[in-house]
Amino acid sequence: MEKKKANFKLKGLRVEHNLKQSDIAKKIGISESTYNRKENGYADFSETEMYKISKIFKKDPAFIFFNNIFFDDKVAK
């Protein structure tokens, strides 16, 4: 199984809100082990799971799940 990039934003939000992986897993309807694999980059969250997680933290899914977009200096000027 190939590891992708771990979701540090999600982990940070979870820790900030004093939630365990098992808490989030239960709220979105998956097992703790499945959640662990997804948070650590071994599997992807489904769109439905991303939506549910974004509602838990009251954040836009793009903020939690997608990398920031960096612009070339020439475009930014």
PDB file of N, CA and C in Angstrom:
ATOM      1  N   MET A   1       0.841  -1.168   0.000  1.00  0.00           N
ATOM      2  CA  MET A   1       0.000   0.000   0.000  1.00  0.00           C
ATOM      3  C   MET A   1       0.893   1.239   0.000  1.00  0.00           C
ATOM      4  N   GLU A   2       0.682   2.121  -0.955  1.00  0.00           N
ATOM      5  CA  GLU A   2       1.501   3.321  -1.084  1.00  0.00           C
ATOM      6  C   GLU A   2       0.961   4.431  -0.192  1.00  0.00           C
ATOM      7  N   LYS A   3       1.850   5.028   0.581  1.00  0.00           N
ATOM      8  CA  LYS A   3       1.445   6.125   1.454  1.00  0.00           C
ATOM      9  C   LYS A   3       1.449   7.426   0.685  1.00  0.00           C
ATOM     10  N   LYS A   4       0.374   8.192   0.852  1.00  0.00           N
ATOM     11  CA  LYS A   4       0.286   9.522   0.279  1.00  0.00           C
ATOM     12  C   LYS A   4       0.684  10.504   1.378  1.00  0.00           C
ATOM     13  N   LYS A   5       0.395  11.751   1.197  1.00  0.00           N
ATOM     14  CA  LYS A   5       0.737  12.756   2.200  1.00  0.00           C
ATOM     15  C   LYS A   5      -0.280  12.727   3.343  1.00  0.00           C
ATOM     16  N   ALA A   6       0.214  12.687   4.569  1.00  0.00           N
ATOM     17  CA  ALA A   6      -0.671  12.721   5.738  1.00  0.00           C
ATOM     18  C   ALA A   6      -1.366  14.080   5.802  1.00  0.00           C
ATOM     19  N   ASN A   7      -2.567  14.095   6.371  1.00  0.00           N
ATOM     20  CA  ASN A   7      -3.324  15.333   6.466  1.00  0.00           C
ATOM     21  C   ASN A   7      -3.041  16.007   7.812  1.00  0.00           C
ATOM     22  N   PHE A   8      -2.023  16.860   7.830  1.00  0.00           N
ATOM     23  CA  PHE A   8      -1.631  17.524   9.070  1.00  0.00           C
ATOM     24  C   PHE A   8      -2.621  18.600   9.486  1.00  0.00           C
ATOM     25  N   LYS A   9      -3.318  19.220   8.524  1.00  0.00           N
ATOM     26  CA  LYS A   9      -4.345  20.198   8.886  1.00  0.00           C
ATOM     27  C   LYS A   9      -5.459  19.514   9.663  1.00  0.00           C
ATOM     28  N   LEU A  10      -5.892  18.367   9.167  1.00  0.00           N
ATOM     29  CA  LEU A  10      -6.962  17.632   9.834  1.00  0.00           C
ATOM     30  C   LEU A  10      -6.524  17.187  11.222  1.00  0.00           C
ATOM     31  N   LYS A  11      -5.335  16.650  11.318  1.00  0.00           N
ATOM     32  CA  LYS A  11      -4.834  16.215  12.623  1.00  0.00           C
ATOM     33  C   LYS A  11      -4.746  17.397  13.583  1.00  0.00           C
ATOM     34  N   GLY A  12      -4.265  18.525  13.094  1.00  0.00           N
ATOM     35  CA  GLY A  12      -4.167  19.720  13.931  1.00  0.00           C
ATOM     36  C   GLY A  12      -5.523  20.180  14.447  1.00  0.00           C
ATOM     37  N   LEU A  13      -6.520  20.185  13.567  1.00  0.00           N
ATOM     38  CA  LEU A  13      -7.872  20.562  13.983  1.00  0.00           C
ATOM     39  C   LEU A  13      -8.414  19.581  15.020  1.00  0.00           C
ATOM     40  N   ARG A  14      -8.183  18.313  14.777  1.00  0.00           N
ATOM     41  CA  ARG A  14      -8.678  17.278  15.692  1.00  0.00           C
ATOM     42  C   ARG A  14      -8.068  17.457  17.079  1.00  0.00           C
ATOM     43  N   VAL A  15      -6.756  17.657  17.132  1.00  0.00           N
ATOM     44  CA  VAL A  15      -6.062  17.839  18.412  1.00  0.00           C
ATOM     45  C   VAL A  15      -6.511  19.140  19.081  1.00  0.00           C
ATOM     46  N   GLU A  16      -6.637  20.199  18.292  1.00  0.00           N
ATOM     47  CA  GLU A  16      -7.072  21.503  18.807  1.00  0.00           C
ATOM     48  C   GLU A  16      -8.447  21.410  19.477  1.00  0.00           C
ATOM     49  N   HIS A  17      -9.303  20.546  18.944  1.00  0.00           N
ATOM     50  CA  HIS A  17     -10.655  20.366  19.483  1.00  0.00           C
ATOM     51  C   HIS A  17     -10.733  19.225  20.504  1.00  0.00           C
ATOM     52  N   ASN A  18      -9.580  18.728  20.921  1.00  0.00           N
ATOM     53  CA  ASN A  18      -9.514  17.644  21.919  1.00  0.00           C
ATOM     54  C   ASN A  18     -10.332  16.421  21.517  1.00  0.00           C
ATOM     55  N   LEU A  19     -10.240  16.054  20.251  1.00  0.00           N
ATOM     56  CA  LEU A  19     -10.939  14.878  19.747  1.00  0.00           C
ATOM     57  C   LEU A  19      -9.939  13.783  19.413  1.00  0.00           C
ATOM     58  N   LYS A  20     -10.343  12.556  19.646  1.00  0.00           N
ATOM     59  CA  LYS A  20      -9.527  11.398  19.276  1.00  0.00           C
ATOM     60  C   LYS A  20      -9.958  10.929  17.889  1.00  0.00           C
ATOM     61  N   GLN A  21      -9.114  10.145  17.263  1.00  0.00           N
ATOM     62  CA  GLN A  21      -9.473   9.584  15.963  1.00  0.00           C
ATOM     63  C   GLN A  21     -10.772   8.805  16.065  1.00  0.00           C
ATOM     64  N   SER A  22     -10.963   8.102  17.165  1.00  0.00           N
ATOM     65  CA  SER A  22     -12.191   7.319  17.343  1.00  0.00           C
ATOM     66  C   SER A  22     -13.427   8.216  17.409  1.00  0.00           C
ATOM     67  N   ASP A  23     -13.283   9.424  17.951  1.00  0.00           N
ATOM     68  CA  ASP A  23     -14.410  10.363  18.016  1.00  0.00           C
ATOM     69  C   ASP A  23     -14.861  10.771  16.618  1.00  0.00           C
ATOM     70  N   ILE A  24     -13.894  11.156  15.783  1.00  0.00           N
ATOM     71  CA  ILE A  24     -14.224  11.574  14.415  1.00  0.00           C
ATOM     72  C   ILE A  24     -14.763  10.390  13.625  1.00  0.00           C
ATOM     73  N   ALA A  25     -14.114   9.246  13.758  1.00  0.00           N
ATOM     74  CA  ALA A  25     -14.555   8.049  13.035  1.00  0.00           C
ATOM     75  C   ALA A  25     -16.014   7.744  13.333  1.00  0.00           C
ATOM     76  N   LYS A  26     -16.384   7.807  14.595  1.00  0.00           N
ATOM     77  CA  LYS A  26     -17.767   7.516  14.988  1.00  0.00           C
ATOM     78  C   LYS A  26     -18.729   8.535  14.387  1.00  0.00           C
ATOM     79  N   LYS A  27     -18.338   9.814  14.405  1.00  0.00           N
ATOM     80  CA  LYS A  27     -19.200  10.875  13.885  1.00  0.00           C
ATOM     81  C   LYS A  27     -19.437  10.752  12.381  1.00  0.00           C
ATOM     82  N   ILE A  28     -18.447  10.218  11.651  1.00  0.00           N
ATOM     83  CA  ILE A  28     -18.615  10.122  10.194  1.00  0.00           C
ATOM     84  C   ILE A  28     -18.983   8.716   9.737  1.00  0.00           C
ATOM     85  N   GLY A  29     -19.080   7.776  10.682  1.00  0.00           N
ATOM     86  CA  GLY A  29     -19.586   6.445  10.363  1.00  0.00           C
ATOM     87  C   GLY A  29     -18.587   5.466   9.782  1.00  0.00           C
ATOM     88  N   ILE A  30     -17.312   5.577  10.205  1.00  0.00           N
ATOM     89  CA  ILE A  30     -16.309   4.605   9.766  1.00  0.00           C
ATOM     90  C   ILE A  30     -15.571   4.075  10.993  1.00  0.00           C
ATOM     91  N   SER A  31     -14.812   3.015  10.812  1.00  0.00           N
ATOM     92  CA  SER A  31     -14.060   2.455  11.937  1.00  0.00           C
ATOM     93  C   SER A  31     -12.856   3.342  12.258  1.00  0.00           C
ATOM     94  N   GLU A  32     -12.369   3.211  13.485  1.00  0.00           N
ATOM     95  CA  GLU A  32     -11.196   3.974  13.893  1.00  0.00           C
ATOM     96  C   GLU A  32      -9.982   3.614  13.042  1.00  0.00           C
ATOM     97  N   SER A  33      -9.825   2.335  12.720  1.00  0.00           N
ATOM     98  CA  SER A  33      -8.662   1.927  11.922  1.00  0.00           C
ATOM     99  C   SER A  33      -8.731   2.504  10.509  1.00  0.00           C
ATOM    100  N   THR A  34      -9.936   2.568   9.942  1.00  0.00           N
ATOM    101  CA  THR A  34     -10.095   3.167   8.613  1.00  0.00           C
ATOM    102  C   THR A  34      -9.787   4.655   8.675  1.00  0.00           C
ATOM    103  N   TYR A  35     -10.292   5.318   9.701  1.00  0.00           N
ATOM    104  CA  TYR A  35     -10.011   6.743   9.860  1.00  0.00           C
ATOM    105  C   TYR A  35      -8.503   6.983   9.986  1.00  0.00           C
ATOM    106  N   ASN A  36      -7.847   6.168  10.794  1.00  0.00           N
ATOM    107  CA  ASN A  36      -6.402   6.287  10.986  1.00  0.00           C
ATOM    108  C   ASN A  36      -5.668   6.186   9.657  1.00  0.00           C
ATOM    109  N   ARG A  37      -6.040   5.211   8.847  1.00  0.00           N
ATOM    110  CA  ARG A  37      -5.400   5.037   7.536  1.00  0.00           C
ATOM    111  C   ARG A  37      -5.603   6.270   6.663  1.00  0.00           C
ATOM    112  N   LYS A  38      -6.786   6.853   6.729  1.00  0.00           N
ATOM    113  CA  LYS A  38      -7.089   8.013   5.892  1.00  0.00           C
ATOM    114  C   LYS A  38      -6.375   9.268   6.393  1.00  0.00           C
ATOM    115  N   GLU A  39      -6.389   9.505   7.691  1.00  0.00           N
ATOM    116  CA  GLU A  39      -5.717  10.688   8.228  1.00  0.00           C
ATOM    117  C   GLU A  39      -4.212  10.617   7.990  1.00  0.00           C
ATOM    118  N   ASN A  40      -3.658   9.421   7.997  1.00  0.00           N
ATOM    119  CA  ASN A  40      -2.213   9.254   7.820  1.00  0.00           C
ATOM    120  C   ASN A  40      -1.789   9.047   6.372  1.00  0.00           C
ATOM    121  N   GLY A  41      -2.715   9.178   5.442  1.00  0.00           N
ATOM    122  CA  GLY A  41      -2.366   9.193   4.032  1.00  0.00           C
ATOM    123  C   GLY A  41      -2.287   7.851   3.340  1.00  0.00           C
ATOM    124  N   TYR A  42      -2.813   6.805   3.955  1.00  0.00           N
ATOM    125  CA  TYR A  42      -2.786   5.490   3.319  1.00  0.00           C
ATOM    126  C   TYR A  42      -4.038   5.214   2.492  1.00  0.00           C
ATOM    127  N   ALA A  43      -5.050   6.052   2.640  1.00  0.00           N
ATOM    128  CA  ALA A  43      -6.294   5.929   1.871  1.00  0.00           C
ATOM    129  C   ALA A  43      -6.914   7.321   1.774  1.00  0.00           C
ATOM    130  N   ASP A  44      -7.828   7.486   0.843  1.00  0.00           N
ATOM    131  CA  ASP A  44      -8.487   8.776   0.637  1.00  0.00           C
ATOM    132  C   ASP A  44      -9.832   8.821   1.350  1.00  0.00           C
ATOM    133  N   PHE A  45     -10.200  10.009   1.814  1.00  0.00           N
ATOM    134  CA  PHE A  45     -11.540  10.224   2.336  1.00  0.00           C
ATOM    135  C   PHE A  45     -12.497  10.341   1.153  1.00  0.00           C
ATOM    136  N   SER A  46     -13.709   9.838   1.316  1.00  0.00           N
ATOM    137  CA  SER A  46     -14.730  10.016   0.285  1.00  0.00           C
ATOM    138  C   SER A  46     -15.239  11.458   0.360  1.00  0.00           C
ATOM    139  N   GLU A  47     -15.951  11.890  -0.676  1.00  0.00           N
ATOM    140  CA  GLU A  47     -16.521  13.238  -0.666  1.00  0.00           C
ATOM    141  C   GLU A  47     -17.475  13.406   0.506  1.00  0.00           C
ATOM    142  N   THR A  48     -18.267  12.377   0.777  1.00  0.00           N
ATOM    143  CA  THR A  48     -19.215  12.429   1.891  1.00  0.00           C
ATOM    144  C   THR A  48     -18.480  12.570   3.219  1.00  0.00           C
ATOM    145  N   GLU A  49     -17.405  11.819   3.400  1.00  0.00           N
ATOM    146  CA  GLU A  49     -16.617  11.909   4.635  1.00  0.00           C
ATOM    147  C   GLU A  49     -15.986  13.290   4.780  1.00  0.00           C
ATOM    148  N   MET A  50     -15.470  13.839   3.678  1.00  0.00           N
ATOM    149  CA  MET A  50     -14.881  15.176   3.721  1.00  0.00           C
ATOM    150  C   MET A  50     -15.935  16.205   4.123  1.00  0.00           C
ATOM    151  N   TYR A  51     -17.136  16.061   3.574  1.00  0.00           N
ATOM    152  CA  TYR A  51     -18.226  16.981   3.899  1.00  0.00           C
ATOM    153  C   TYR A  51     -18.568  16.894   5.390  1.00  0.00           C
ATOM    154  N   LYS A  52     -18.712  15.679   5.909  1.00  0.00           N
ATOM    155  CA  LYS A  52     -19.051  15.490   7.323  1.00  0.00           C
ATOM    156  C   LYS A  52     -17.971  16.062   8.235  1.00  0.00           C
ATOM    157  N   ILE A  53     -16.719  15.835   7.884  1.00  0.00           N
ATOM    158  CA  ILE A  53     -15.606  16.359   8.689  1.00  0.00           C
ATOM    159  C   ILE A  53     -15.587  17.884   8.651  1.00  0.00           C
ATOM    160  N   SER A  54     -15.845  18.465   7.490  1.00  0.00           N
ATOM    161  CA  SER A  54     -15.860  19.927   7.388  1.00  0.00           C
ATOM    162  C   SER A  54     -16.963  20.522   8.257  1.00  0.00           C
ATOM    163  N   LYS A  55     -18.079  19.821   8.381  1.00  0.00           N
ATOM    164  CA  LYS A  55     -19.176  20.286   9.237  1.00  0.00           C
ATOM    165  C   LYS A  55     -18.799  20.187  10.716  1.00  0.00           C
ATOM    166  N   ILE A  56     -18.086  19.143  11.100  1.00  0.00           N
ATOM    167  CA  ILE A  56     -17.652  18.981  12.494  1.00  0.00           C
ATOM    168  C   ILE A  56     -16.799  20.174  12.922  1.00  0.00           C
ATOM    169  N   PHE A  57     -15.886  20.595  12.053  1.00  0.00           N
ATOM    170  CA  PHE A  57     -14.953  21.668  12.392  1.00  0.00           C
ATOM    171  C   PHE A  57     -15.400  23.045  11.904  1.00  0.00           C
ATOM    172  N   LYS A  58     -16.544  23.087  11.209  1.00  0.00           N
ATOM    173  CA  LYS A  58     -17.071  24.348  10.672  1.00  0.00           C
ATOM    174  C   LYS A  58     -16.027  25.054   9.800  1.00  0.00           C
ATOM    175  N   LYS A  59     -15.408  24.265   8.936  1.00  0.00           N
ATOM    176  CA  LYS A  59     -14.391  24.770   8.007  1.00  0.00           C
ATOM    177  C   LYS A  59     -14.755  24.330   6.593  1.00  0.00           C
ATOM    178  N   ASP A  60     -14.306  25.082   5.622  1.00  0.00           N
ATOM    179  CA  ASP A  60     -14.492  24.709   4.226  1.00  0.00           C
ATOM    180  C   ASP A  60     -13.686  23.444   3.943  1.00  0.00           C
ATOM    181  N   PRO A  61     -14.272  22.476   3.220  1.00  0.00           N
ATOM    182  CA  PRO A  61     -13.521  21.253   2.908  1.00  0.00           C
ATOM    183  C   PRO A  61     -12.186  21.532   2.213  1.00  0.00           C
ATOM    184  N   ALA A  62     -12.149  22.556   1.369  1.00  0.00           N
ATOM    185  CA  ALA A  62     -10.906  22.885   0.658  1.00  0.00           C
ATOM    186  C   ALA A  62      -9.803  23.270   1.637  1.00  0.00           C
ATOM    187  N   PHE A  63     -10.153  23.956   2.715  1.00  0.00           N
ATOM    188  CA  PHE A  63      -9.161  24.347   3.721  1.00  0.00           C
ATOM    189  C   PHE A  63      -8.539  23.120   4.377  1.00  0.00           C
ATOM    190  N   ILE A  64      -9.360  22.116   4.648  1.00  0.00           N
ATOM    191  CA  ILE A  64      -8.887  20.928   5.362  1.00  0.00           C
ATOM    192  C   ILE A  64      -8.180  19.940   4.442  1.00  0.00           C
ATOM    193  N   PHE A  65      -8.728  19.738   3.250  1.00  0.00           N
ATOM    194  CA  PHE A  65      -8.299  18.598   2.442  1.00  0.00           C
ATOM    195  C   PHE A  65      -7.443  18.909   1.225  1.00  0.00           C
ATOM    196  N   PHE A  66      -7.355  20.153   0.837  1.00  0.00           N
ATOM    197  CA  PHE A  66      -6.605  20.450  -0.376  1.00  0.00           C
ATOM    198  C   PHE A  66      -5.451  21.383  -0.083  1.00  0.00           C
ATOM    199  N   ASN A  67      -4.335  21.172  -0.780  1.00  0.00           N
ATOM    200  CA  ASN A  67      -3.140  21.991  -0.588  1.00  0.00           C
ATOM    201  C   ASN A  67      -3.409  23.418  -1.014  1.00  0.00           C
ATOM    202  N   ASN A  68      -2.659  24.337  -0.418  1.00  0.00           N
ATOM    203  CA  ASN A  68      -2.747  25.737  -0.816  1.00  0.00           C
ATOM    204  C   ASN A  68      -2.221  25.884  -2.231  1.00  0.00           C
ATOM    205  N   ILE A  69      -2.763  26.849  -2.936  1.00  0.00           N
ATOM    206  CA  ILE A  69      -2.310  27.130  -4.297  1.00  0.00           C
ATOM    207  C   ILE A  69      -1.275  28.251  -4.218  1.00  0.00           C
ATOM    208  N   PHE A  70      -0.123  28.003  -4.795  1.00  0.00           N
ATOM    209  CA  PHE A  70       0.932  29.005  -4.809  1.00  0.00           C
ATOM    210  C   PHE A  70       1.021  29.599  -6.211  1.00  0.00           C
ATOM    211  N   PHE A  71       1.131  30.910  -6.259  1.00  0.00           N
ATOM    212  CA  PHE A  71       1.199  31.598  -7.536  1.00  0.00           C
ATOM    213  C   PHE A  71       2.636  31.985  -7.847  1.00  0.00           C
ATOM    214  N   ASP A  72       2.950  31.979  -9.102  1.00  0.00           N
ATOM    215  CA  ASP A  72       4.247  32.438  -9.573  1.00  0.00           C
ATOM    216  C   ASP A  72       4.373  33.928  -9.262  1.00  0.00           C
ATOM    217  N   ASP A  73       5.572  34.386  -8.913  1.00  0.00           N
ATOM    218  CA  ASP A  73       5.793  35.799  -8.598  1.00  0.00           C
ATOM    219  C   ASP A  73       5.314  36.716  -9.711  1.00  0.00           C
ATOM    220  N   LYS A  74       5.478  36.302 -10.950  1.00  0.00           N
ATOM    221  CA  LYS A  74       5.085  37.134 -12.080  1.00  0.00           C
ATOM    222  C   LYS A  74       3.580  37.338 -12.098  1.00  0.00           C
ATOM    223  N   VAL A  75       2.834  36.345 -11.719  1.00  0.00           N
ATOM    224  CA  VAL A  75       1.379  36.445 -11.706  1.00  0.00           C
ATOM    225  C   VAL A  75       0.921  37.297 -10.529  1.00  0.00           C
ATOM    226  N   ALA A  76       1.595  37.177  -9.408  1.00  0.00           N
ATOM    227  CA  ALA A  76       1.186  37.879  -8.195  1.00  0.00           C
ATOM    228  C   ALA A  76       1.424  39.387  -8.271  1.00  0.00           C
ATOM    229  N   LYS A  77       2.321  39.842  -9.132  1.00  0.00           N
ATOM    230  CA  LYS A  77       2.656  41.277  -9.214  1.00  0.00           C
ATOM    231  C   LYS A  77       1.598  42.072  -9.923  1.00  0.00           C
TER     232      LYS A  77
END
